[in-house]
Amino acid sequence: MCDDHHMTDSVALRSFASRFAAVRAARGPLVWGLDPAADLLQAWGLGDTADGLDRFADIMLEAAPGVVGLVKPQSAFYERHGWRGIRTLQRLIEGARGAGLLVILDVKRGDVGSTNDAYADAYLGKDAPLAADALTVHPYLGLGAMGAFVSRAQESGGCVLVVTRSSNPEGRPVQAPVEWHLLRDIGRLNAELAPGELGPIGAVVASTHVEPELDLSAAHCLFLAPGVGAQGATPGDVARVFAACPDRVMPSASRSLLAAGPDVARLRDAAGQLAAEFRELLGR
């Protein structure tokens, strides 16, 4: 399924969890972060310009398919180039999905009312201009305010990934008092929306912080695990933190893999080696 070059409507309507299981079986769970920061574009000799960003997208659309099953563009690195950057992001998303990759768009949106409706229209569903398979959201205006995200994700076979325990140390004072509440509420909502299955709401839980221990298996969800590589987490850390649910974790690495560029062969080798390590540690 993950090698198909065109997504059909029937595939799009399958749950994100089932589609993740398919790409995981074929390529492993590794998520390749596509984060073209200014210094990376310069280091690759592309230039920190809209043209350089376009070339970055071309390189990654050649490097990622067939090596990993998921990619995660960070929207800010594209938005900083204005309308041309957003156009490149749109092209990258469409090209990656057309190549059979699942796209997690790291946008960390979250508001209330009609604003959330507009965000959901922008990112989820086949008629969305930046249609991703999953996207990250902030929960601090309340999970109840995310109805538009959740309903659109459920209808389109997408996933909403709620930032619960991020990889940055500055987040601990804010997140620590509420993260277990978030996981509990995510679990309750998923149990209502998809009884007996993994629901359309996932959580972002990094492997760089392990205390206090969280009951991850009770959330009935998938987990995006950022922080692998440059931020200090190792594949072994991921395996330990998610030992109770290794088949539900999507570990993400960006800078440590992109450092191998811009040569496509070296990029594919670096990602392939890390993907193989995760397959061994987390199972197929």
Protein backbone atom coordinates (compact mmCIF):
# COMPACT_ATOMS: atom_id res chain seq x y z
CA MET A 1 0.00 0.00 0.00
CA CYS A 2 2.75 2.48 0.95
CA ASP A 3 4.44 2.13 -2.45
CA ASP A 4 1.37 3.24 -4.40
CA HIS A 5 1.96 6.47 -6.24
CA HIS A 6 -1.65 7.66 -6.11
CA MET A 7 -3.93 7.66 -3.10
CA THR A 8 -7.44 6.52 -3.85
CA ASP A 9 -10.51 7.75 -2.03
CA SER A 10 -10.88 4.37 -0.34
CA VAL A 11 -7.35 4.59 1.06
CA ALA A 12 -7.88 8.17 2.22
CA LEU A 13 -10.93 7.10 4.23
CA ARG A 14 -9.03 4.45 6.18
CA SER A 15 -8.00 5.53 9.67
CA PHE A 16 -4.60 7.09 10.12
CA ALA A 17 -3.75 4.35 12.62
CA SER A 18 -4.37 1.61 10.05
CA ARG A 19 -2.37 3.46 7.40
CA PHE A 20 0.48 3.97 9.86
CA ALA A 21 0.44 0.24 10.62
CA ALA A 22 0.83 -0.46 6.89
CA VAL A 23 3.78 1.88 6.33
CA ARG A 24 5.34 0.73 9.59
CA ALA A 25 5.24 -2.88 8.41
CA ALA A 26 6.93 -1.89 5.15
CA ARG A 27 9.44 0.79 6.22
CA GLY A 28 9.38 0.99 10.00
CA PRO A 29 8.06 3.77 12.25
CA LEU A 30 10.71 6.47 11.63
CA VAL A 31 9.40 9.94 10.80
CA TRP A 32 11.83 12.06 8.76
CA GLY A 33 11.61 15.71 9.81
CA LEU A 34 11.90 18.01 6.79
CA ASP A 35 13.09 21.21 8.46
CA PRO A 36 14.93 23.51 6.02
CA ALA A 37 16.31 26.03 8.49
CA ALA A 38 18.33 28.94 7.13
CA ASP A 39 21.67 27.45 8.19
CA LEU A 40 20.81 24.11 6.59
CA LEU A 41 19.95 25.69 3.24
CA GLN A 42 23.25 27.58 3.39
CA ALA A 43 25.22 24.49 4.41
CA TRP A 44 23.73 22.57 1.50
CA GLY A 45 24.84 25.33 -0.86
CA LEU A 46 21.26 26.10 -1.89
CA GLY A 47 20.98 29.57 -0.42
CA ASP A 48 18.45 30.79 2.12
CA THR A 49 15.97 31.87 -0.53
CA ALA A 50 12.67 30.69 -1.97
CA ASP A 51 14.63 29.10 -4.82
CA GLY A 52 16.85 27.28 -2.34
CA LEU A 53 13.78 26.05 -0.51
CA ASP A 54 12.34 24.74 -3.78
CA ARG A 55 15.53 22.80 -4.44
CA PHE A 56 15.44 21.38 -0.90
CA ALA A 57 11.95 20.05 -1.59
CA ASP A 58 13.13 18.47 -4.84
CA ILE A 59 15.99 16.72 -3.06
CA MET A 60 13.78 15.38 -0.27
CA LEU A 61 11.12 14.15 -2.67
CA GLU A 62 13.89 12.11 -4.26
CA ALA A 63 15.49 10.97 -1.00
CA ALA A 64 12.59 9.98 1.26
CA PRO A 65 10.33 7.64 -0.76
CA GLY A 66 11.25 4.00 -0.40
CA VAL A 67 13.36 4.65 2.71
CA VAL A 68 10.86 5.86 5.32
CA GLY A 69 7.10 5.73 5.51
CA LEU A 70 6.46 9.12 7.10
CA VAL A 71 7.77 12.66 6.76
CA LYS A 72 7.16 15.71 8.94
CA PRO A 73 7.65 19.19 7.47
CA GLN A 74 7.80 21.99 10.05
CA SER A 75 5.57 24.66 8.54
CA ALA A 76 7.48 27.65 9.98
CA PHE A 77 10.55 26.96 7.85
CA TYR A 78 8.39 27.27 4.73
CA GLU A 79 6.20 30.15 5.90
CA ARG A 80 9.28 32.33 6.50
CA HIS A 81 9.72 32.49 2.72
CA GLY A 82 6.28 34.01 2.23
CA TRP A 83 3.81 32.90 -0.41
CA ARG A 84 6.49 31.07 -2.38
CA GLY A 85 7.44 29.09 0.69
CA ILE A 86 3.83 28.08 1.28
CA ARG A 87 3.59 27.08 -2.37
CA THR A 88 6.67 24.90 -1.91
CA LEU A 89 5.16 23.34 1.21
CA GLN A 90 1.99 22.55 -0.70
CA ARG A 91 4.01 20.95 -3.51
CA LEU A 92 6.08 18.97 -1.01
CA ILE A 93 3.00 17.65 0.78
CA GLU A 94 1.31 16.66 -2.47
CA GLY A 95 4.48 15.06 -3.84
CA ALA A 96 5.18 13.11 -0.67
CA ARG A 97 1.64 11.81 -0.35
CA GLY A 98 1.60 10.95 -4.03
CA ALA A 99 4.75 8.87 -3.44
CA GLY A 100 2.96 6.90 -0.73
CA LEU A 101 4.40 8.71 2.29
CA LEU A 102 2.26 9.74 5.23
CA VAL A 103 2.70 13.45 5.92
CA ILE A 104 2.59 14.84 9.45
CA LEU A 105 2.42 18.62 9.17
CA ASP A 106 4.04 20.23 12.20
CA VAL A 107 2.02 23.44 12.55
CA LYS A 108 1.04 23.42 16.24
CA ARG A 109 -2.19 25.28 15.61
CA GLY A 110 -5.00 25.63 18.11
CA ASP A 111 -7.65 28.23 18.86
CA VAL A 112 -11.41 28.29 19.35
CA GLY A 113 -14.61 28.46 17.34
CA SER A 114 -14.50 29.57 13.74
CA THR A 115 -10.70 29.94 13.83
CA ASN A 116 -10.28 26.23 14.48
CA ASP A 117 -12.83 25.54 11.76
CA ALA A 118 -10.64 27.49 9.34
CA TYR A 119 -7.46 25.70 10.43
CA ALA A 120 -9.19 22.34 9.98
CA ASP A 121 -10.35 23.39 6.51
CA ALA A 122 -6.77 24.33 5.62
CA TYR A 123 -5.03 21.14 6.70
CA LEU A 124 -7.38 18.15 6.83
CA GLY A 125 -9.52 16.46 4.19
CA LYS A 126 -9.19 15.98 0.45
CA ASP A 127 -10.40 19.52 -0.30
CA ALA A 128 -7.85 21.16 2.01
CA PRO A 129 -5.22 23.23 0.17
CA LEU A 130 -2.46 21.90 2.48
CA ALA A 131 -3.98 18.46 3.00
CA ALA A 132 -1.84 16.45 5.40
CA ASP A 133 -2.44 13.03 6.92
CA ALA A 134 -1.87 14.37 10.43
CA LEU A 135 -1.06 17.66 12.10
CA THR A 136 0.17 18.90 15.44
CA VAL A 137 -1.99 21.12 17.64
CA HIS A 138 -1.66 22.95 20.96
CA PRO A 139 -4.20 21.95 23.63
CA TYR A 140 -4.14 24.92 25.95
CA LEU A 141 -7.45 26.40 24.87
CA GLY A 142 -8.98 23.05 25.79
CA LEU A 143 -9.54 19.74 24.01
CA GLY A 144 -13.21 20.67 23.81
CA ALA A 145 -12.29 23.54 21.50
CA MET A 146 -10.80 21.11 18.97
CA GLY A 147 -14.05 19.64 17.72
CA ALA A 148 -13.47 20.82 14.15
CA PHE A 149 -10.01 19.25 14.03
CA VAL A 150 -11.21 15.96 15.48
CA SER A 151 -14.33 15.60 13.36
CA ARG A 152 -12.49 16.46 10.15
CA ALA A 153 -9.68 14.07 11.03
CA GLN A 154 -12.15 11.27 11.72
CA GLU A 155 -14.02 11.90 8.47
CA SER A 156 -10.87 12.05 6.33
CA GLY A 157 -8.82 9.29 7.96
CA GLY A 158 -6.46 11.82 9.52
CA CYS A 159 -4.97 12.34 12.95
CA VAL A 160 -4.67 15.28 15.33
CA LEU A 161 -1.50 15.09 17.43
CA VAL A 162 -1.86 17.02 20.69
CA VAL A 163 1.32 18.46 22.18
CA THR A 164 1.42 16.78 25.58
CA ARG A 165 5.09 16.41 26.61
CA SER A 166 7.41 18.27 24.25
CA SER A 167 11.16 17.82 23.88
CA ASN A 168 12.17 21.30 25.05
CA PRO A 169 13.06 21.72 28.74
CA GLU A 170 11.27 25.09 28.92
CA GLY A 171 7.99 23.25 28.50
CA ARG A 172 8.23 21.20 31.68
CA PRO A 173 6.81 23.77 34.18
CA VAL A 174 3.74 24.28 31.98
CA GLN A 175 3.20 20.72 30.80
CA ALA A 176 4.05 18.62 33.86
CA PRO A 177 0.94 19.59 35.87
CA VAL A 178 -1.49 18.81 33.04
CA GLU A 179 0.06 16.14 30.81
CA TRP A 180 -1.56 13.18 32.55
CA HIS A 181 -4.93 14.95 32.39
CA LEU A 182 -4.46 15.41 28.63
CA LEU A 183 -3.61 11.74 28.11
CA ARG A 184 -6.63 10.71 30.18
CA ASP A 185 -8.96 12.94 28.17
CA ILE A 186 -7.44 11.83 24.86
CA GLY A 187 -8.04 8.22 25.90
CA ARG A 188 -11.66 8.91 26.80
CA LEU A 189 -12.35 10.72 23.54
CA ASN A 190 -10.72 8.01 21.45
CA ALA A 191 -12.68 5.31 23.27
CA GLU A 192 -15.90 7.14 22.34
CA LEU A 193 -14.89 7.82 18.74
CA ALA A 194 -13.26 4.47 17.90
CA PRO A 195 -14.24 1.79 20.42
CA GLY A 196 -11.69 -1.00 20.49
CA GLU A 197 -9.34 0.80 18.08
CA LEU A 198 -6.82 3.62 18.09
CA GLY A 199 -8.72 6.85 17.68
CA PRO A 200 -8.06 9.94 15.54
CA ILE A 201 -6.47 11.89 18.41
CA GLY A 202 -2.80 11.24 19.10
CA ALA A 203 -0.25 12.80 21.43
CA VAL A 204 3.18 14.34 21.09
CA VAL A 205 5.32 12.77 23.82
CA ALA A 206 9.09 13.19 23.65
CA SER A 207 11.64 10.67 24.88
CA THR A 208 13.92 13.37 26.29
CA HIS A 209 11.92 13.58 29.54
CA VAL A 210 10.87 10.42 31.37
CA GLU A 211 9.68 11.68 34.76
CA PRO A 212 7.06 11.39 35.95
CA GLU A 213 6.18 8.18 34.14
CA LEU A 214 3.02 8.37 32.07
CA ASP A 215 0.48 5.61 31.46
CA LEU A 216 0.85 5.72 27.69
CA SER A 217 -0.95 2.49 26.86
CA ALA A 218 -4.23 3.78 28.35
CA ALA A 219 -4.55 6.66 25.89
CA HIS A 220 -5.69 4.44 22.97
CA CYS A 221 -3.64 6.54 20.60
CA LEU A 222 -0.55 6.94 18.47
CA PHE A 223 2.42 8.94 19.74
CA LEU A 224 4.72 11.27 17.88
CA ALA A 225 8.10 11.19 19.65
CA PRO A 226 10.28 14.17 18.70
CA GLY A 227 13.78 14.86 19.94
CA VAL A 228 15.73 11.96 18.40
CA GLY A 229 19.25 12.90 17.39
CA ALA A 230 20.19 16.57 17.74
CA GLN A 231 17.93 17.08 20.77
CA GLY A 232 19.51 14.24 22.66
CA ALA A 233 17.12 11.29 22.54
CA THR A 234 18.41 7.96 21.21
CA PRO A 235 16.54 5.03 19.66
CA GLY A 236 17.16 3.21 22.95
CA ASP A 237 15.44 6.04 24.84
CA VAL A 238 12.42 5.74 22.57
CA ALA A 239 12.26 1.99 23.12
CA ARG A 240 12.39 2.44 26.91
CA VAL A 241 9.80 5.23 27.15
CA PHE A 242 7.34 3.45 24.86
CA ALA A 243 8.04 -0.10 26.05
CA ALA A 244 4.35 -0.62 26.89
CA CYS A 245 3.19 0.32 23.38
CA PRO A 246 6.11 0.07 20.91
CA ASP A 247 3.81 -0.38 17.92
CA ARG A 248 2.14 3.00 18.57
CA VAL A 249 5.17 5.29 18.53
CA MET A 250 6.35 7.42 15.59
CA PRO A 251 9.90 8.57 16.45
CA SER A 252 11.03 11.68 14.62
CA ALA A 253 14.52 12.84 13.62
CA SER A 254 15.43 15.83 11.47
CA ARG A 255 18.76 17.63 11.87
CA SER A 256 20.78 14.49 12.52
CA LEU A 257 19.54 13.02 9.22
CA LEU A 258 19.63 16.19 7.14
CA ALA A 259 23.28 16.69 8.11
CA ALA A 260 24.07 13.99 5.52
CA GLY A 261 22.76 16.18 2.67
CA PRO A 262 22.51 17.44 0.07
CA ASP A 263 23.72 14.23 -1.59
CA VAL A 264 20.66 12.05 -2.10
CA ALA A 265 22.50 8.76 -1.68
CA ARG A 266 24.02 9.85 1.63
CA LEU A 267 20.65 11.10 2.85
CA ARG A 268 19.02 7.79 1.98
CA ASP A 269 21.81 5.85 3.70
CA ALA A 270 21.53 7.90 6.91
CA ALA A 271 17.75 7.57 7.08
CA GLY A 272 17.87 3.90 6.12
CA GLN A 273 20.29 3.10 8.93
CA LEU A 274 18.20 4.85 11.56
CA ALA A 275 15.01 3.30 10.21
CA ALA A 276 16.58 -0.15 10.49
CA GLU A 277 17.63 0.54 14.07
CA PHE A 278 14.09 1.50 15.01
CA ARG A 279 12.67 -1.58 13.29
CA GLU A 280 14.99 -3.76 15.36
CA LEU A 281 14.23 -2.02 18.65
CA LEU A 282 10.49 -1.47 18.24
CA GLY A 283 9.56 -4.51 16.14
CA ARG A 284 7.95 -4.61 12.71
